[in-house]
Amino acid sequence: MRKTSQTKPKAKPTDGLRSEYRFDYTKARHNRFADRVQPGSVAVLLDPDVARVFKNGESVNAVLRALVATMPGRRWPGA
């Protein structure tokens, strides 16, 4: 009688994720946008319909500052 090796069936991930990933960090590149971010700033993702209204970050900040000034019970930090 010949012996056959029994292989364990591999469990298939149900959610499509592996239990471990190995990344090659030698191929990583510097974030080219990192120099644009000023200390203390916060990045916000606008929805496409809202982004079409504003031409740049300054216009968004102007509208938000005007909105904050109208809010009752809120004091503007610069005032």
PDB file of N, CA and C in Angstrom:
ATOM      1  N   MET A   1       0.846  -1.160   0.000  1.00  0.00           N
ATOM      2  CA  MET A   1       0.000   0.000   0.000  1.00  0.00           C
ATOM      3  C   MET A   1       0.895   1.228   0.000  1.00  0.00           C
ATOM      4  N   ARG A   2       0.545   2.168  -0.817  1.00  0.00           N
ATOM      5  CA  ARG A   2       1.347   3.375  -0.997  1.00  0.00           C
ATOM      6  C   ARG A   2       0.805   4.490  -0.108  1.00  0.00           C
ATOM      7  N   LYS A   3       1.744   5.218   0.571  1.00  0.00           N
ATOM      8  CA  LYS A   3       1.321   6.323   1.423  1.00  0.00           C
ATOM      9  C   LYS A   3       1.155   7.578   0.576  1.00  0.00           C
ATOM     10  N   THR A   4       0.081   8.268   0.793  1.00  0.00           N
ATOM     11  CA  THR A   4      -0.127   9.543   0.111  1.00  0.00           C
ATOM     12  C   THR A   4      -0.159  10.641   1.162  1.00  0.00           C
ATOM     13  N   SER A   5       0.416  11.753   0.817  1.00  0.00           N
ATOM     14  CA  SER A   5       0.435  12.851   1.779  1.00  0.00           C
ATOM     15  C   SER A   5      -0.914  13.553   1.784  1.00  0.00           C
ATOM     16  N   GLN A   6      -1.340  13.850   2.942  1.00  0.00           N
ATOM     17  CA  GLN A   6      -2.604  14.556   3.105  1.00  0.00           C
ATOM     18  C   GLN A   6      -2.296  16.056   3.188  1.00  0.00           C
ATOM     19  N   THR A   7      -2.818  16.820   2.269  1.00  0.00           N
ATOM     20  CA  THR A   7      -2.636  18.265   2.331  1.00  0.00           C
ATOM     21  C   THR A   7      -3.877  18.880   2.946  1.00  0.00           C
ATOM     22  N   LYS A   8      -3.622  19.861   3.785  1.00  0.00           N
ATOM     23  CA  LYS A   8      -4.743  20.542   4.423  1.00  0.00           C
ATOM     24  C   LYS A   8      -5.370  21.496   3.419  1.00  0.00           C
ATOM     25  N   PRO A   9      -6.663  21.523   3.360  1.00  0.00           N
ATOM     26  CA  PRO A   9      -7.304  22.483   2.454  1.00  0.00           C
ATOM     27  C   PRO A   9      -7.062  23.904   2.968  1.00  0.00           C
ATOM     28  N   LYS A  10      -6.685  24.785   2.048  1.00  0.00           N
ATOM     29  CA  LYS A  10      -6.425  26.171   2.418  1.00  0.00           C
ATOM     30  C   LYS A  10      -7.748  26.895   2.583  1.00  0.00           C
ATOM     31  N   ALA A  11      -7.813  27.658   3.669  1.00  0.00           N
ATOM     32  CA  ALA A  11      -9.024  28.437   3.910  1.00  0.00           C
ATOM     33  C   ALA A  11      -9.021  29.643   2.983  1.00  0.00           C
ATOM     34  N   LYS A  12     -10.094  29.819   2.266  1.00  0.00           N
ATOM     35  CA  LYS A  12     -10.207  30.957   1.373  1.00  0.00           C
ATOM     36  C   LYS A  12     -10.763  32.143   2.151  1.00  0.00           C
ATOM     37  N   PRO A  13     -10.138  33.312   1.986  1.00  0.00           N
ATOM     38  CA  PRO A  13     -10.675  34.478   2.701  1.00  0.00           C
ATOM     39  C   PRO A  13     -12.045  34.836   2.166  1.00  0.00           C
ATOM     40  N   THR A  14     -12.956  35.082   3.072  1.00  0.00           N
ATOM     41  CA  THR A  14     -14.322  35.375   2.664  1.00  0.00           C
ATOM     42  C   THR A  14     -14.491  36.832   2.249  1.00  0.00           C
ATOM     43  N   ASP A  15     -13.652  37.734   2.784  1.00  0.00           N
ATOM     44  CA  ASP A  15     -13.809  39.148   2.466  1.00  0.00           C
ATOM     45  C   ASP A  15     -12.809  39.638   1.422  1.00  0.00           C
ATOM     46  N   GLY A  16     -11.986  38.759   0.890  1.00  0.00           N
ATOM     47  CA  GLY A  16     -11.036  39.147  -0.136  1.00  0.00           C
ATOM     48  C   GLY A  16      -9.748  39.724   0.406  1.00  0.00           C
ATOM     49  N   LEU A  17      -9.580  39.767   1.705  1.00  0.00           N
ATOM     50  CA  LEU A  17      -8.357  40.294   2.296  1.00  0.00           C
ATOM     51  C   LEU A  17      -7.452  39.159   2.739  1.00  0.00           C
ATOM     52  N   ARG A  18      -6.177  39.393   2.611  1.00  0.00           N
ATOM     53  CA  ARG A  18      -5.203  38.419   3.094  1.00  0.00           C
ATOM     54  C   ARG A  18      -4.943  38.672   4.570  1.00  0.00           C
ATOM     55  N   SER A  19      -4.414  37.673   5.234  1.00  0.00           N
ATOM     56  CA  SER A  19      -4.099  37.853   6.649  1.00  0.00           C
ATOM     57  C   SER A  19      -2.852  38.707   6.824  1.00  0.00           C
ATOM     58  N   GLU A  20      -1.997  38.747   5.805  1.00  0.00           N
ATOM     59  CA  GLU A  20      -0.773  39.538   5.884  1.00  0.00           C
ATOM     60  C   GLU A  20      -0.375  40.001   4.490  1.00  0.00           C
ATOM     61  N   TYR A  21       0.107  41.231   4.413  1.00  0.00           N
ATOM     62  CA  TYR A  21       0.595  41.775   3.154  1.00  0.00           C
ATOM     63  C   TYR A  21       2.055  42.156   3.333  1.00  0.00           C
ATOM     64  N   ARG A  22       2.845  41.949   2.312  1.00  0.00           N
ATOM     65  CA  ARG A  22       4.249  42.335   2.345  1.00  0.00           C
ATOM     66  C   ARG A  22       4.467  43.426   1.298  1.00  0.00           C
ATOM     67  N   PHE A  23       4.871  44.610   1.772  1.00  0.00           N
ATOM     68  CA  PHE A  23       5.080  45.743   0.897  1.00  0.00           C
ATOM     69  C   PHE A  23       6.560  45.959   0.671  1.00  0.00           C
ATOM     70  N   ASP A  24       6.910  46.335  -0.523  1.00  0.00           N
ATOM     71  CA  ASP A  24       8.297  46.640  -0.863  1.00  0.00           C
ATOM     72  C   ASP A  24       8.490  48.148  -0.719  1.00  0.00           C
ATOM     73  N   TYR A  25       8.965  48.570   0.443  1.00  0.00           N
ATOM     74  CA  TYR A  25       9.115  49.991   0.723  1.00  0.00           C
ATOM     75  C   TYR A  25      10.302  50.611  -0.009  1.00  0.00           C
ATOM     76  N   THR A  26      11.102  49.810  -0.668  1.00  0.00           N
ATOM     77  CA  THR A  26      12.209  50.378  -1.454  1.00  0.00           C
ATOM     78  C   THR A  26      11.675  51.074  -2.703  1.00  0.00           C
ATOM     79  N   LYS A  27      10.445  50.766  -3.087  1.00  0.00           N
ATOM     80  CA  LYS A  27       9.839  51.390  -4.257  1.00  0.00           C
ATOM     81  C   LYS A  27       8.954  52.580  -3.885  1.00  0.00           C
ATOM     82  N   ALA A  28       8.894  52.924  -2.597  1.00  0.00           N
ATOM     83  CA  ALA A  28       8.058  54.035  -2.141  1.00  0.00           C
ATOM     84  C   ALA A  28       8.641  55.355  -2.629  1.00  0.00           C
ATOM     85  N   ARG A  29       7.752  56.324  -2.899  1.00  0.00           N
ATOM     86  CA  ARG A  29       8.177  57.642  -3.364  1.00  0.00           C
ATOM     87  C   ARG A  29       7.717  58.708  -2.382  1.00  0.00           C
ATOM     88  N   HIS A  30       8.404  59.822  -2.386  1.00  0.00           N
ATOM     89  CA  HIS A  30       8.064  60.957  -1.543  1.00  0.00           C
ATOM     90  C   HIS A  30       6.730  61.548  -1.985  1.00  0.00           C
ATOM     91  N   ASN A  31       5.936  61.991  -1.029  1.00  0.00           N
ATOM     92  CA  ASN A  31       4.657  62.635  -1.338  1.00  0.00           C
ATOM     93  C   ASN A  31       4.934  64.011  -1.927  1.00  0.00           C
ATOM     94  N   ARG A  32       4.647  64.198  -3.191  1.00  0.00           N
ATOM     95  CA  ARG A  32       4.977  65.453  -3.862  1.00  0.00           C
ATOM     96  C   ARG A  32       4.103  66.612  -3.406  1.00  0.00           C
ATOM     97  N   PHE A  33       2.995  66.333  -2.721  1.00  0.00           N
ATOM     98  CA  PHE A  33       2.108  67.384  -2.248  1.00  0.00           C
ATOM     99  C   PHE A  33       2.368  67.748  -0.790  1.00  0.00           C
ATOM    100  N   ALA A  34       3.272  67.067  -0.125  1.00  0.00           N
ATOM    101  CA  ALA A  34       3.501  67.292   1.301  1.00  0.00           C
ATOM    102  C   ALA A  34       3.997  68.702   1.585  1.00  0.00           C
ATOM    103  N   ASP A  35       4.748  69.310   0.699  1.00  0.00           N
ATOM    104  CA  ASP A  35       5.272  70.653   0.935  1.00  0.00           C
ATOM    105  C   ASP A  35       4.188  71.724   0.861  1.00  0.00           C
ATOM    106  N   ARG A  36       3.066  71.437   0.248  1.00  0.00           N
ATOM    107  CA  ARG A  36       1.983  72.416   0.113  1.00  0.00           C
ATOM    108  C   ARG A  36       1.179  72.581   1.400  1.00  0.00           C
ATOM    109  N   VAL A  37       1.182  71.581   2.250  1.00  0.00           N
ATOM    110  CA  VAL A  37       0.373  71.612   3.465  1.00  0.00           C
ATOM    111  C   VAL A  37       1.091  72.423   4.532  1.00  0.00           C
ATOM    112  N   GLN A  38       0.374  73.415   5.065  1.00  0.00           N
ATOM    113  CA  GLN A  38       0.935  74.257   6.112  1.00  0.00           C
ATOM    114  C   GLN A  38       0.616  73.644   7.473  1.00  0.00           C
ATOM    115  N   PRO A  39       1.495  73.846   8.460  1.00  0.00           N
ATOM    116  CA  PRO A  39       1.221  73.304   9.796  1.00  0.00           C
ATOM    117  C   PRO A  39      -0.083  73.872  10.354  1.00  0.00           C
ATOM    118  N   GLY A  40      -0.888  73.030  10.945  1.00  0.00           N
ATOM    119  CA  GLY A  40      -2.160  73.443  11.517  1.00  0.00           C
ATOM    120  C   GLY A  40      -3.323  73.430  10.544  1.00  0.00           C
ATOM    121  N   SER A  41      -3.070  73.177   9.280  1.00  0.00           N
ATOM    122  CA  SER A  41      -4.169  73.155   8.311  1.00  0.00           C
ATOM    123  C   SER A  41      -4.825  71.774   8.293  1.00  0.00           C
ATOM    124  N   VAL A  42      -6.060  71.751   7.803  1.00  0.00           N
ATOM    125  CA  VAL A  42      -6.831  70.517   7.723  1.00  0.00           C
ATOM    126  C   VAL A  42      -7.299  70.352   6.282  1.00  0.00           C
ATOM    127  N   ALA A  43      -7.119  69.185   5.722  1.00  0.00           N
ATOM    128  CA  ALA A  43      -7.573  68.913   4.365  1.00  0.00           C
ATOM    129  C   ALA A  43      -9.009  68.395   4.418  1.00  0.00           C
ATOM    130  N   VAL A  44      -9.847  68.914   3.526  1.00  0.00           N
ATOM    131  CA  VAL A  44     -11.253  68.526   3.463  1.00  0.00           C
ATOM    132  C   VAL A  44     -11.581  68.160   2.026  1.00  0.00           C
ATOM    133  N   LEU A  45     -12.280  67.076   1.842  1.00  0.00           N
ATOM    134  CA  LEU A  45     -12.682  66.635   0.514  1.00  0.00           C
ATOM    135  C   LEU A  45     -14.084  67.155   0.228  1.00  0.00           C
ATOM    136  N   LEU A  46     -14.209  67.963  -0.818  1.00  0.00           N
ATOM    137  CA  LEU A  46     -15.507  68.510  -1.203  1.00  0.00           C
ATOM    138  C   LEU A  46     -16.183  67.585  -2.203  1.00  0.00           C
ATOM    139  N   ASP A  47     -17.492  67.522  -2.134  1.00  0.00           N
ATOM    140  CA  ASP A  47     -18.242  66.782  -3.136  1.00  0.00           C
ATOM    141  C   ASP A  47     -18.114  67.513  -4.472  1.00  0.00           C
ATOM    142  N   PRO A  48     -18.187  66.786  -5.589  1.00  0.00           N
ATOM    143  CA  PRO A  48     -17.977  67.410  -6.901  1.00  0.00           C
ATOM    144  C   PRO A  48     -18.898  68.593  -7.182  1.00  0.00           C
ATOM    145  N   ASP A  49     -20.175  68.509  -6.765  1.00  0.00           N
ATOM    146  CA  ASP A  49     -21.092  69.622  -7.034  1.00  0.00           C
ATOM    147  C   ASP A  49     -20.712  70.867  -6.241  1.00  0.00           C
ATOM    148  N   VAL A  50     -20.204  70.698  -5.040  1.00  0.00           N
ATOM    149  CA  VAL A  50     -19.758  71.833  -4.233  1.00  0.00           C
ATOM    150  C   VAL A  50     -18.435  72.373  -4.784  1.00  0.00           C
ATOM    151  N   ALA A  51     -17.550  71.507  -5.188  1.00  0.00           N
ATOM    152  CA  ALA A  51     -16.243  71.933  -5.699  1.00  0.00           C
ATOM    153  C   ALA A  51     -16.382  72.759  -6.979  1.00  0.00           C
ATOM    154  N   ARG A  52     -17.428  72.511  -7.769  1.00  0.00           N
ATOM    155  CA  ARG A  52     -17.620  73.288  -9.000  1.00  0.00           C
ATOM    156  C   ARG A  52     -17.941  74.750  -8.717  1.00  0.00           C
ATOM    157  N   VAL A  53     -18.468  75.051  -7.530  1.00  0.00           N
ATOM    158  CA  VAL A  53     -18.848  76.417  -7.179  1.00  0.00           C
ATOM    159  C   VAL A  53     -17.617  77.261  -6.846  1.00  0.00           C
ATOM    160  N   PHE A  54     -16.602  76.656  -6.258  1.00  0.00           N
ATOM    161  CA  PHE A  54     -15.433  77.387  -5.782  1.00  0.00           C
ATOM    162  C   PHE A  54     -14.264  77.243  -6.741  1.00  0.00           C
ATOM    163  N   LYS A  55     -13.546  78.343  -6.948  1.00  0.00           N
ATOM    164  CA  LYS A  55     -12.408  78.322  -7.873  1.00  0.00           C
ATOM    165  C   LYS A  55     -11.110  77.932  -7.183  1.00  0.00           C
ATOM    166  N   ASN A  56     -11.001  78.214  -5.863  1.00  0.00           N
ATOM    167  CA  ASN A  56      -9.762  77.914  -5.140  1.00  0.00           C
ATOM    168  C   ASN A  56     -10.042  77.841  -3.643  1.00  0.00           C
ATOM    169  N   GLY A  57      -9.016  77.542  -2.873  1.00  0.00           N
ATOM    170  CA  GLY A  57      -9.154  77.414  -1.427  1.00  0.00           C
ATOM    171  C   GLY A  57      -9.486  78.715  -0.732  1.00  0.00           C
ATOM    172  N   GLU A  58      -9.011  79.832  -1.284  1.00  0.00           N
ATOM    173  CA  GLU A  58      -9.292  81.129  -0.668  1.00  0.00           C
ATOM    174  C   GLU A  58     -10.786  81.444  -0.693  1.00  0.00           C
ATOM    175  N   SER A  59     -11.458  81.096  -1.783  1.00  0.00           N
ATOM    176  CA  SER A  59     -12.895  81.365  -1.865  1.00  0.00           C
ATOM    177  C   SER A  59     -13.674  80.481  -0.886  1.00  0.00           C
ATOM    178  N   VAL A  60     -13.231  79.261  -0.695  1.00  0.00           N
ATOM    179  CA  VAL A  60     -13.874  78.382   0.284  1.00  0.00           C
ATOM    180  C   VAL A  60     -13.687  78.956   1.683  1.00  0.00           C
ATOM    181  N   ASN A  61     -12.468  79.388   2.002  1.00  0.00           N
ATOM    182  CA  ASN A  61     -12.201  79.955   3.324  1.00  0.00           C
ATOM    183  C   ASN A  61     -13.017  81.226   3.563  1.00  0.00           C
ATOM    184  N   ALA A  62     -13.172  82.069   2.545  1.00  0.00           N
ATOM    185  CA  ALA A  62     -13.947  83.298   2.700  1.00  0.00           C
ATOM    186  C   ALA A  62     -15.397  82.995   3.048  1.00  0.00           C
ATOM    187  N   VAL A  63     -15.989  82.020   2.372  1.00  0.00           N
ATOM    188  CA  VAL A  63     -17.378  81.653   2.645  1.00  0.00           C
ATOM    189  C   VAL A  63     -17.509  81.042   4.035  1.00  0.00           C
ATOM    190  N   LEU A  64     -16.565  80.198   4.421  1.00  0.00           N
ATOM    191  CA  LEU A  64     -16.637  79.586   5.744  1.00  0.00           C
ATOM    192  C   LEU A  64     -16.450  80.626   6.853  1.00  0.00           C
ATOM    193  N   ARG A  65     -15.565  81.598   6.642  1.00  0.00           N
ATOM    194  CA  ARG A  65     -15.388  82.657   7.641  1.00  0.00           C
ATOM    195  C   ARG A  65     -16.659  83.484   7.790  1.00  0.00           C
ATOM    196  N   ALA A  66     -17.321  83.785   6.680  1.00  0.00           N
ATOM    197  CA  ALA A  66     -18.575  84.531   6.737  1.00  0.00           C
ATOM    198  C   ALA A  66     -19.645  83.727   7.461  1.00  0.00           C
ATOM    199  N   LEU A  67     -19.681  82.438   7.238  1.00  0.00           N
ATOM    200  CA  LEU A  67     -20.656  81.580   7.906  1.00  0.00           C
ATOM    201  C   LEU A  67     -20.399  81.528   9.406  1.00  0.00           C
ATOM    202  N   VAL A  68     -19.153  81.390   9.803  1.00  0.00           N
ATOM    203  CA  VAL A  68     -18.808  81.339  11.223  1.00  0.00           C
ATOM    204  C   VAL A  68     -19.187  82.641  11.906  1.00  0.00           C
ATOM    205  N   ALA A  69     -19.015  83.770  11.227  1.00  0.00           N
ATOM    206  CA  ALA A  69     -19.348  85.075  11.808  1.00  0.00           C
ATOM    207  C   ALA A  69     -20.845  85.214  12.068  1.00  0.00           C
ATOM    208  N   THR A  70     -21.680  84.499  11.313  1.00  0.00           N
ATOM    209  CA  THR A  70     -23.126  84.602  11.489  1.00  0.00           C
ATOM    210  C   THR A  70     -23.665  83.624  12.526  1.00  0.00           C
ATOM    211  N   MET A  71     -22.871  82.697  12.983  1.00  0.00           N
ATOM    212  CA  MET A  71     -23.344  81.674  13.913  1.00  0.00           C
ATOM    213  C   MET A  71     -23.483  82.263  15.321  1.00  0.00           C
ATOM    214  N   PRO A  72     -24.663  82.134  15.911  1.00  0.00           N
ATOM    215  CA  PRO A  72     -24.842  82.683  17.266  1.00  0.00           C
ATOM    216  C   PRO A  72     -24.046  81.860  18.282  1.00  0.00           C
ATOM    217  N   GLY A  73     -23.460  82.562  19.241  1.00  0.00           N
ATOM    218  CA  GLY A  73     -22.719  81.887  20.301  1.00  0.00           C
ATOM    219  C   GLY A  73     -21.315  81.477  19.919  1.00  0.00           C
ATOM    220  N   ARG A  74     -20.894  81.804  18.734  1.00  0.00           N
ATOM    221  CA  ARG A  74     -19.536  81.469  18.284  1.00  0.00           C
ATOM    222  C   ARG A  74     -18.720  82.726  18.189  1.00  0.00           C
ATOM    223  N   ARG A  75     -17.546  82.717  18.768  1.00  0.00           N
ATOM    224  CA  ARG A  75     -16.646  83.868  18.648  1.00  0.00           C
ATOM    225  C   ARG A  75     -15.537  83.500  17.698  1.00  0.00           C
ATOM    226  N   TRP A  76     -15.225  84.396  16.812  1.00  0.00           N
ATOM    227  CA  TRP A  76     -14.146  84.191  15.854  1.00  0.00           C
ATOM    228  C   TRP A  76     -12.832  84.274  16.617  1.00  0.00           C
ATOM    229  N   PRO A  77     -11.933  83.309  16.468  1.00  0.00           N
ATOM    230  CA  PRO A  77     -10.678  83.317  17.217  1.00  0.00           C
ATOM    231  C   PRO A  77      -9.840  84.581  16.986  1.00  0.00           C
ATOM    232  N   GLY A  78      -9.956  85.190  15.816  1.00  0.00           N
ATOM    233  CA  GLY A  78      -9.169  86.376  15.522  1.00  0.00           C
ATOM    234  C   GLY A  78      -9.781  87.662  16.060  1.00  0.00           C
ATOM    235  N   ALA A  79     -11.020  87.598  16.539  1.00  0.00           N
ATOM    236  CA  ALA A  79     -11.719  88.819  16.995  1.00  0.00           C
ATOM    237  C   ALA A  79     -11.495  89.082  18.464  1.00  0.00           C
TER     238      ALA A  79
END
